[in-house]
Protein backbone atom coordinates (compact mmCIF):
# COMPACT_ATOMS: atom_id res chain seq x y z
CA ASN A 1 30.75 -23.79 -31.67
CA PRO A 2 32.18 -26.95 -30.59
CA GLY A 3 35.64 -25.76 -31.57
CA CYS A 4 35.51 -22.60 -29.47
CA ALA A 5 38.04 -23.05 -26.44
CA SER A 6 37.71 -19.64 -24.91
CA CYS A 7 34.10 -18.82 -25.28
CA VAL A 8 30.75 -19.72 -23.92
CA CYS A 9 28.36 -20.82 -26.67
CA SER A 10 24.78 -21.37 -26.48
CA SER A 11 22.87 -23.28 -29.19
CA ARG A 12 21.78 -19.83 -30.68
CA GLU A 13 24.75 -17.52 -30.39
CA HIS A 14 28.42 -17.37 -30.03
CA VAL A 15 29.43 -15.45 -26.78
CA THR A 16 33.02 -14.45 -26.00
CA PRO A 17 34.23 -14.21 -22.37
CA GLU A 18 34.35 -10.35 -22.81
CA MET A 19 30.63 -10.23 -23.94
CA ASN A 20 29.62 -12.75 -21.00
CA LYS A 21 31.33 -10.50 -18.56
CA LEU A 22 29.49 -7.37 -19.96
CA ARG A 23 26.17 -9.29 -19.65
CA GLN A 24 26.86 -10.25 -16.06
CA SER A 25 27.65 -6.67 -15.10
CA LEU A 26 24.37 -5.48 -16.75
CA ARG A 27 22.28 -7.73 -14.66
CA ARG A 28 20.33 -6.36 -11.71
CA LYS A 29 22.39 -7.04 -8.66
CA LYS A 30 20.71 -8.16 -5.28
CA PRO A 31 21.23 -5.76 -2.43
CA THR A 32 24.08 -6.73 -0.16
CA TYR A 33 22.81 -8.42 3.10
CA VAL A 34 23.84 -6.84 6.30
CA PRO A 35 23.36 -9.15 9.38
CA GLU A 36 20.88 -7.71 12.02
CA ALA A 37 23.70 -7.68 14.40
CA SER A 38 25.41 -5.04 12.46
CA ARG A 39 22.27 -2.80 12.61
CA PRO A 40 21.70 -2.44 16.27
CA HIS A 41 20.33 1.17 15.80
CA GLN A 42 17.27 -0.33 14.12
CA TRP A 43 16.18 -2.22 17.16
CA GLN A 44 16.77 0.41 20.02
CA ALA A 45 13.04 1.27 20.07
CA ASP A 46 11.86 -2.20 19.98
CA GLU A 47 14.28 -3.17 22.77
CA GLU A 48 13.08 -0.28 24.94
CA ALA A 49 9.43 -1.44 24.37
CA VAL A 50 10.23 -4.95 25.36
CA ARG A 51 12.00 -3.86 28.47
CA LYS A 52 8.95 -1.72 29.46
CA GLY A 53 6.52 -4.63 28.67
CA LYS A 54 4.87 -2.40 25.91
CA CYS A 55 5.65 -4.39 22.75
CA ASN A 56 2.61 -6.03 21.20
CA PHE A 57 1.43 -7.31 17.94
CA ALA A 58 -1.95 -7.99 16.57
CA VAL A 59 -2.19 -11.74 15.81
CA ARG A 60 -4.64 -14.46 14.93
CA TYR A 61 -4.28 -17.00 17.66
CA LEU A 62 -4.35 -20.61 16.34
CA GLY A 63 -4.26 -22.48 19.70
CA LEU A 64 -1.82 -24.43 21.69
CA VAL A 65 0.24 -27.52 20.78
CA GLU A 66 2.92 -29.42 22.65
CA VAL A 67 6.12 -29.89 20.82
CA GLU A 68 9.04 -32.33 21.33
CA GLU A 69 11.90 -29.78 20.52
CA SER A 70 12.18 -26.26 21.68
CA ARG A 71 13.56 -24.68 18.33
CA GLY A 72 13.71 -25.16 14.65
CA MET A 73 11.63 -24.11 11.66
CA HIS A 74 10.45 -27.81 11.09
CA VAL A 75 9.12 -27.78 14.59
CA CYS A 76 7.03 -24.78 14.06
CA GLU A 77 5.83 -25.79 10.61
CA GLU A 78 4.61 -29.15 12.06
CA ALA A 79 2.80 -27.47 14.97
CA VAL A 80 0.93 -25.09 12.60
CA LYS A 81 -0.13 -27.95 10.48
CA LYS A 82 -1.50 -29.84 13.63
CA LEU A 83 -3.41 -26.60 14.59
CA LYS A 84 -4.81 -25.99 11.14
CA VAL A 85 -6.17 -29.64 10.80
CA SER A 86 -7.89 -29.45 14.21
CA GLY A 87 -10.66 -27.21 12.61
CA LYS A 88 -10.72 -24.70 15.41
CA LYS A 89 -11.56 -21.12 14.43
CA THR A 90 -8.62 -18.66 14.83
CA VAL A 91 -9.16 -15.70 17.40
CA LYS A 92 -8.14 -12.11 17.13
CA ALA A 93 -5.62 -11.47 19.82
CA VAL A 94 -2.72 -9.38 20.88
CA LEU A 95 0.75 -11.01 21.46
CA TRP A 96 2.66 -9.11 24.20
CA VAL A 97 6.43 -9.56 24.54
CA SER A 98 8.34 -8.55 27.43
CA ALA A 99 11.57 -9.43 29.16
CA ASP A 100 9.76 -12.04 31.15
CA GLY A 101 8.09 -13.85 28.24
CA LEU A 102 5.23 -13.96 25.87
CA ARG A 103 1.59 -13.52 26.53
CA VAL A 104 -1.41 -13.92 24.21
CA VAL A 105 -4.55 -12.07 25.15
CA ASP A 106 -7.85 -12.58 23.44
CA ASP A 107 -8.77 -9.16 21.93
CA LYS A 108 -12.47 -9.42 22.41
CA THR A 109 -12.80 -11.10 25.83
CA LYS A 110 -9.17 -9.86 27.17
CA VAL A 111 -8.69 -13.49 28.52
CA ARG A 112 -5.16 -14.59 28.48
CA LYS A 113 -4.80 -17.41 26.10
CA ASN A 114 -1.27 -18.42 26.69
CA PHE A 115 1.86 -17.50 28.56
CA LEU A 116 5.43 -18.48 28.14
CA SER A 117 7.67 -17.53 31.05
CA LEU A 118 11.29 -16.90 30.41
CA ALA A 119 12.03 -16.31 33.93
């Protein structure tokens, strides 16, 4: 109703503030986000594997492309676009993560494809 000062009205129905509050309380709530820094216990096994050089992931290696900046999602997205348009086939590989850096090894030939040294 145009004359209602203390309500939320839609074109179909008259809704009082109390009714609106009830509706909001019945809606499914999203789980509260807890930052990763507040959950260090979840990363202890991963941290140990990285320290020992035994942390690895099965990946599809797209290739290598040089980038202008060293960080940012937009940098990653542009690099992946360039690799996809190149038309090269992906290679099954293993990504090894250690305290020294990252290493990508071809799963079939065991040839190292790439290495990023952090030291």
